[in-house]
Each structure stands twice: as structure tokens, then as C-alpha cells.
Amino acid sequence: MDGPVGLLKVRVVRGINLAYRDARGSDPYVVLRLGKQKLKTSVKKRCVNPIWHEDLTLSITNPNAPIKLAVFDKDTFSRDDPMGEAEIEVEPMVEFLHMEPDPEDLRNGTVVRSIRPSNQNCFVEESHVCWKNGKFVQDVILRLRNVESGEIQLQLQWVNMPGSSGRK
């Protein structure tokens, strides 16, 4: 694809039972990467169950490329410590752009797809792509990999761009 298909707003809601990396907890922050894009949340001091409620927006040009999520512990005098990672597939949100009937005809709260946890994803529990308030929305909890514990709760929301190849 040449240009952006649309935007994906990723609300980083919270961390759950993140790993301790310092004596009194951790100072976690989340990094999202997609292609050359890299976005970060704020750092939450001395907390292994942080609440962020921060929106990070990524431009989607290739719906087959997964978003890479990583959590780090902020350190002042040394390199930041990794606290786990996960991937998010964008394709489930994009596949509904050319849906028939028009999504505008769907009732608010309609589940258009359910995705079960598997070896192919990092989901803790089944996740649903829903039509809410005129937008496709997906709430997910991801289990972090390569770490002793930790989960991240996100909300994904598709945002169409004027002139994009997505639905107007």
C-alpha cells in the first residue's frame, strides 16, 4: 500500500503485576513500535500496577505489520531494564473497513469479531472487536513475554483519515 490506510489510536490503560526491577518496585513506561514509528507513555514511579490512560496514535500503512509493544523500567544512571514485550495484530481492525452492510447500520455495541487467546497472540482472554459510538473498538489484555510476570491492558480504536483507502 502506498499511503496510510488509517490511524490506530492505542489507549494504554494500565499495567498489571509488572515485574520488580528495583528494590522498591519499578518505574515502568510502555513503548509502541510500528515500522519507523516509536511512541512512549510517561514513566510511572515506583509502581508495578501503573495506571496510564494515555492515547498513542499510529499511522497504519501496512495492516499486516504487527505493533511491537515493550515495557521498560526507567533508570537514571544505567540502561533502562526490559520488563517484557508483546505484539498486537492490526489486521482484525482493518478487515472491517469494506464491510457489507455498512458499519453505520450496526447497532452500538455489536461484536463483529471475537479473537481467542492462542500461541499466535499474547491475549490473556478472548477479545472482541466491537462497533461502539460509530467506531471499531477492541479492548485487550496482553500477557508480556520474556519476563516473569506482567500484563498490559489496552484499548484499540480505528480512526479513518480523509482521503485514505479506508472507509470514509
C-alpha atoms as a PDB file:
ATOM      1  CA  MET A   1       0.000   0.000   0.000  1.00  0.00           C
ATOM      2  CA  ASP A   2       1.251   3.476  -0.817  1.00  0.00           C
ATOM      3  CA  GLY A   3      -0.187   5.794   1.798  1.00  0.00           C
ATOM      4  CA  PRO A   4      -1.816   5.453   5.184  1.00  0.00           C
ATOM      5  CA  VAL A   5      -4.878   3.212   5.426  1.00  0.00           C
ATOM      6  CA  GLY A   6      -5.906   4.996   8.612  1.00  0.00           C
ATOM      7  CA  LEU A   7      -4.875   5.675  12.174  1.00  0.00           C
ATOM      8  CA  LEU A   8      -4.953   3.347  15.143  1.00  0.00           C
ATOM      9  CA  LYS A   9      -5.418   5.045  18.486  1.00  0.00           C
ATOM     10  CA  VAL A  10      -3.928   2.841  21.190  1.00  0.00           C
ATOM     11  CA  ARG A  11      -5.034   3.733  24.686  1.00  0.00           C
ATOM     12  CA  VAL A  12      -2.538   2.285  27.150  1.00  0.00           C
ATOM     13  CA  VAL A  13      -4.873   1.744  30.091  1.00  0.00           C
ATOM     14  CA  ARG A  14      -2.796   0.034  32.778  1.00  0.00           C
ATOM     15  CA  GLY A  15      -0.156  -2.499  33.739  1.00  0.00           C
ATOM     16  CA  ILE A  16      -0.976  -5.496  35.906  1.00  0.00           C
ATOM     17  CA  ASN A  17       1.557  -7.242  38.190  1.00  0.00           C
ATOM     18  CA  LEU A  18       4.579  -5.943  36.287  1.00  0.00           C
ATOM     19  CA  ALA A  19       7.991  -7.294  37.261  1.00  0.00           C
ATOM     20  CA  TYR A  20      10.079  -5.687  40.010  1.00  0.00           C
ATOM     21  CA  ARG A  21      13.317  -4.276  38.600  1.00  0.00           C
ATOM     22  CA  ASP A  22      14.348  -2.117  41.574  1.00  0.00           C
ATOM     23  CA  ALA A  23      14.294  -2.679  45.335  1.00  0.00           C
ATOM     24  CA  ARG A  24      11.072  -0.670  45.758  1.00  0.00           C
ATOM     25  CA  GLY A  25       9.244  -1.721  42.578  1.00  0.00           C
ATOM     26  CA  SER A  26       9.784  -0.385  39.080  1.00  0.00           C
ATOM     27  CA  ASP A  27       9.419   2.869  37.153  1.00  0.00           C
ATOM     28  CA  PRO A  28       7.601   1.474  34.091  1.00  0.00           C
ATOM     29  CA  TYR A  29       6.797   3.006  30.732  1.00  0.00           C
ATOM     30  CA  VAL A  30       5.449   1.471  27.526  1.00  0.00           C
ATOM     31  CA  VAL A  31       6.963   1.795  24.041  1.00  0.00           C
ATOM     32  CA  LEU A  32       4.969   1.083  20.870  1.00  0.00           C
ATOM     33  CA  ARG A  33       6.825   0.487  17.586  1.00  0.00           C
ATOM     34  CA  LEU A  34       5.404   0.128  14.103  1.00  0.00           C
ATOM     35  CA  GLY A  35       7.827   0.436  11.199  1.00  0.00           C
ATOM     36  CA  LYS A  36       9.785   3.646  11.818  1.00  0.00           C
ATOM     37  CA  GLN A  37       7.227   4.977  14.312  1.00  0.00           C
ATOM     38  CA  LYS A  38       8.096   4.848  18.010  1.00  0.00           C
ATOM     39  CA  LEU A  39       5.790   6.224  20.738  1.00  0.00           C
ATOM     40  CA  LYS A  40       6.163   6.167  24.536  1.00  0.00           C
ATOM     41  CA  THR A  41       3.950   6.630  27.562  1.00  0.00           C
ATOM     42  CA  SER A  42       5.004   8.612  30.602  1.00  0.00           C
ATOM     43  CA  VAL A  43       7.034   6.938  33.363  1.00  0.00           C
ATOM     44  CA  LYS A  44       5.117   5.854  36.481  1.00  0.00           C
ATOM     45  CA  LYS A  45       7.356   5.994  39.564  1.00  0.00           C
ATOM     46  CA  ARG A  46       7.710   3.004  41.942  1.00  0.00           C
ATOM     47  CA  CYS A  47       4.709   1.106  40.642  1.00  0.00           C
ATOM     48  CA  VAL A  48       4.097  -2.433  39.370  1.00  0.00           C
ATOM     49  CA  ASN A  49       0.366  -1.806  38.750  1.00  0.00           C
ATOM     50  CA  PRO A  50       0.519   1.551  36.935  1.00  0.00           C
ATOM     51  CA  ILE A  51      -2.479   3.389  35.517  1.00  0.00           C
ATOM     52  CA  TRP A  52      -1.694   5.366  32.364  1.00  0.00           C
ATOM     53  CA  HIS A  53      -4.893   6.058  30.387  1.00  0.00           C
ATOM     54  CA  GLU A  54      -2.654   7.569  27.678  1.00  0.00           C
ATOM     55  CA  ASP A  55      -3.529   7.661  23.973  1.00  0.00           C
ATOM     56  CA  LEU A  56      -0.810   6.944  21.425  1.00  0.00           C
ATOM     57  CA  THR A  57      -1.761   7.173  17.733  1.00  0.00           C
ATOM     58  CA  LEU A  58      -0.010   5.199  14.991  1.00  0.00           C
ATOM     59  CA  SER A  59      -0.354   5.715  11.248  1.00  0.00           C
ATOM     60  CA  ILE A  60      -1.181   2.374   9.604  1.00  0.00           C
ATOM     61  CA  THR A  61       0.240   1.838   6.109  1.00  0.00           C
ATOM     62  CA  ASN A  62       0.621  -1.953   6.184  1.00  0.00           C
ATOM     63  CA  PRO A  63      -2.204  -3.696   8.064  1.00  0.00           C
ATOM     64  CA  ASN A  64      -0.205  -6.962   8.071  1.00  0.00           C
ATOM     65  CA  ALA A  65       2.636  -5.495  10.163  1.00  0.00           C
ATOM     66  CA  PRO A  66       2.166  -6.101  13.914  1.00  0.00           C
ATOM     67  CA  ILE A  67       2.647  -3.393  16.523  1.00  0.00           C
ATOM     68  CA  LYS A  68       5.517  -4.232  18.857  1.00  0.00           C
ATOM     69  CA  LEU A  69       4.890  -3.327  22.497  1.00  0.00           C
ATOM     70  CA  ALA A  70       7.661  -3.282  25.097  1.00  0.00           C
ATOM     71  CA  VAL A  71       7.694  -2.270  28.753  1.00  0.00           C
ATOM     72  CA  PHE A  72      10.811  -0.825  30.380  1.00  0.00           C
ATOM     73  CA  ASP A  73      11.911   0.236  33.854  1.00  0.00           C
ATOM     74  CA  LYS A  74      13.344   3.765  33.728  1.00  0.00           C
ATOM     75  CA  ASP A  75      16.791   4.005  35.304  1.00  0.00           C
ATOM     76  CA  THR A  76      18.706   7.202  35.931  1.00  0.00           C
ATOM     77  CA  PHE A  77      22.318   6.056  35.834  1.00  0.00           C
ATOM     78  CA  SER A  78      22.141   2.890  33.737  1.00  0.00           C
ATOM     79  CA  ARG A  79      20.372   1.497  30.710  1.00  0.00           C
ATOM     80  CA  ASP A  80      16.604   1.041  31.165  1.00  0.00           C
ATOM     81  CA  ASP A  81      15.695  -2.529  32.146  1.00  0.00           C
ATOM     82  CA  PRO A  82      13.339  -4.569  29.921  1.00  0.00           C
ATOM     83  CA  MET A  83      10.113  -5.647  31.634  1.00  0.00           C
ATOM     84  CA  GLY A  84       8.510  -7.717  28.868  1.00  0.00           C
ATOM     85  CA  GLU A  85       7.146  -7.430  25.363  1.00  0.00           C
ATOM     86  CA  ALA A  86       4.129  -8.350  23.246  1.00  0.00           C
ATOM     87  CA  GLU A  87       2.755  -7.931  19.734  1.00  0.00           C
ATOM     88  CA  ILE A  88      -0.611  -6.659  18.538  1.00  0.00           C
ATOM     89  CA  GLU A  89      -2.088  -7.620  15.171  1.00  0.00           C
ATOM     90  CA  VAL A  90      -3.656  -4.685  13.308  1.00  0.00           C
ATOM     91  CA  GLU A  91      -5.445  -6.788  10.672  1.00  0.00           C
ATOM     92  CA  PRO A  92      -8.558  -7.565  12.799  1.00  0.00           C
ATOM     93  CA  MET A  93      -9.347  -3.828  12.940  1.00  0.00           C
ATOM     94  CA  VAL A  94      -8.702  -3.178   9.236  1.00  0.00           C
ATOM     95  CA  GLU A  95     -10.661  -6.112   7.807  1.00  0.00           C
ATOM     96  CA  PHE A  96     -13.976  -4.386   8.577  1.00  0.00           C
ATOM     97  CA  LEU A  97     -13.306  -1.203   6.599  1.00  0.00           C
ATOM     98  CA  HIS A  98     -15.026  -2.523   3.480  1.00  0.00           C
ATOM     99  CA  MET A  99     -17.669  -4.480   5.337  1.00  0.00           C
ATOM    100  CA  GLU A 100     -21.161  -5.026   3.960  1.00  0.00           C
ATOM    101  CA  PRO A 101     -23.577  -3.907   5.236  1.00  0.00           C
ATOM    102  CA  ASP A 102     -22.155  -0.502   6.042  1.00  0.00           C
ATOM    103  CA  PRO A 103     -20.962  -0.459   9.694  1.00  0.00           C
ATOM    104  CA  GLU A 104     -23.016   2.695  10.217  1.00  0.00           C
ATOM    105  CA  ASP A 105     -26.057   0.379  10.087  1.00  0.00           C
ATOM    106  CA  LEU A 106     -24.779  -1.722  13.021  1.00  0.00           C
ATOM    107  CA  ARG A 107     -26.253  -1.323  16.478  1.00  0.00           C
ATOM    108  CA  ASN A 108     -23.990   0.253  19.080  1.00  0.00           C
ATOM    109  CA  GLY A 109     -22.104  -2.466  20.966  1.00  0.00           C
ATOM    110  CA  THR A 110     -22.325  -5.071  18.162  1.00  0.00           C
ATOM    111  CA  VAL A 111     -19.473  -7.605  18.352  1.00  0.00           C
ATOM    112  CA  VAL A 112     -18.121  -8.004  14.814  1.00  0.00           C
ATOM    113  CA  ARG A 113     -15.314 -10.419  15.645  1.00  0.00           C
ATOM    114  CA  SER A 114     -14.032 -12.389  18.633  1.00  0.00           C
ATOM    115  CA  ILE A 115     -10.393 -13.397  18.968  1.00  0.00           C
ATOM    116  CA  ARG A 116      -9.413 -16.179  21.330  1.00  0.00           C
ATOM    117  CA  PRO A 117      -6.047 -16.456  23.071  1.00  0.00           C
ATOM    118  CA  SER A 118      -3.619 -18.703  21.198  1.00  0.00           C
ATOM    119  CA  ASN A 119       0.068 -19.413  20.674  1.00  0.00           C
ATOM    120  CA  GLN A 120      -0.101 -16.843  17.847  1.00  0.00           C
ATOM    121  CA  ASN A 121      -1.117 -13.895  20.047  1.00  0.00           C
ATOM    122  CA  CYS A 122      -0.425 -12.543  23.541  1.00  0.00           C
ATOM    123  CA  PHE A 123      -4.069 -12.318  24.662  1.00  0.00           C
ATOM    124  CA  VAL A 124      -4.862 -13.225  28.267  1.00  0.00           C
ATOM    125  CA  GLU A 125      -8.555 -13.687  27.449  1.00  0.00           C
ATOM    126  CA  GLU A 126     -10.911 -13.553  24.496  1.00  0.00           C
ATOM    127  CA  SER A 127     -11.025 -10.114  22.896  1.00  0.00           C
ATOM    128  CA  HIS A 128     -13.855  -8.600  20.856  1.00  0.00           C
ATOM    129  CA  VAL A 129     -13.792  -6.071  18.036  1.00  0.00           C
ATOM    130  CA  CYS A 130     -16.977  -4.041  18.594  1.00  0.00           C
ATOM    131  CA  TRP A 131     -18.821  -1.221  16.881  1.00  0.00           C
ATOM    132  CA  LYS A 132     -19.088   1.475  19.591  1.00  0.00           C
ATOM    133  CA  ASN A 133     -20.219   5.054  19.079  1.00  0.00           C
ATOM    134  CA  GLY A 134     -19.505   4.945  15.347  1.00  0.00           C
ATOM    135  CA  LYS A 135     -16.028   3.390  15.620  1.00  0.00           C
ATOM    136  CA  PHE A 136     -14.415  -0.038  15.673  1.00  0.00           C
ATOM    137  CA  VAL A 137     -13.003  -0.627  19.171  1.00  0.00           C
ATOM    138  CA  GLN A 138     -11.131  -3.564  20.689  1.00  0.00           C
ATOM    139  CA  ASP A 139     -10.312  -3.996  24.391  1.00  0.00           C
ATOM    140  CA  VAL A 140      -7.385  -6.343  25.030  1.00  0.00           C
ATOM    141  CA  ILE A 141      -5.201  -7.574  27.854  1.00  0.00           C
ATOM    142  CA  LEU A 142      -1.797  -8.768  26.664  1.00  0.00           C
ATOM    143  CA  ARG A 143       0.450 -11.143  28.595  1.00  0.00           C
ATOM    144  CA  LEU A 144       4.027  -9.910  28.421  1.00  0.00           C
ATOM    145  CA  ARG A 145       6.652 -12.336  27.086  1.00  0.00           C
ATOM    146  CA  ASN A 146      10.271 -12.816  28.170  1.00  0.00           C
ATOM    147  CA  VAL A 147       9.571 -11.730  31.745  1.00  0.00           C
ATOM    148  CA  GLU A 148       8.498 -13.433  34.974  1.00  0.00           C
ATOM    149  CA  SER A 149       5.145 -11.600  35.222  1.00  0.00           C
ATOM    150  CA  GLY A 150       3.089  -8.792  33.803  1.00  0.00           C
ATOM    151  CA  GLU A 151       0.138  -7.845  31.635  1.00  0.00           C
ATOM    152  CA  ILE A 152      -0.839  -4.665  29.801  1.00  0.00           C
ATOM    153  CA  GLN A 153      -4.444  -3.565  29.216  1.00  0.00           C
ATOM    154  CA  LEU A 154      -5.083  -1.623  26.001  1.00  0.00           C
ATOM    155  CA  GLN A 155      -7.991  -0.238  24.034  1.00  0.00           C
ATOM    156  CA  LEU A 156      -7.566  -0.048  20.252  1.00  0.00           C
ATOM    157  CA  GLN A 157      -9.701   2.329  18.218  1.00  0.00           C
ATOM    158  CA  TRP A 158      -9.678   2.689  14.435  1.00  0.00           C
ATOM    159  CA  VAL A 159      -9.658   6.272  13.100  1.00  0.00           C
ATOM    160  CA  ASN A 160     -10.336   6.849   9.391  1.00  0.00           C
ATOM    161  CA  MET A 161      -8.354   9.533   7.600  1.00  0.00           C
ATOM    162  CA  PRO A 162      -9.895  11.718   4.887  1.00  0.00           C
ATOM    163  CA  GLY A 163      -8.652  10.511   1.505  1.00  0.00           C
ATOM    164  CA  SER A 164      -7.281   7.213   2.876  1.00  0.00           C
ATOM    165  CA  SER A 165      -8.094   3.867   1.334  1.00  0.00           C
ATOM    166  CA  GLY A 166     -10.197   3.098   4.426  1.00  0.00           C
ATOM    167  CA  ARG A 167     -13.966   3.689   4.688  1.00  0.00           C
ATOM    168  CA  LYS A 168     -14.936   7.381   4.699  1.00  0.00           C
END
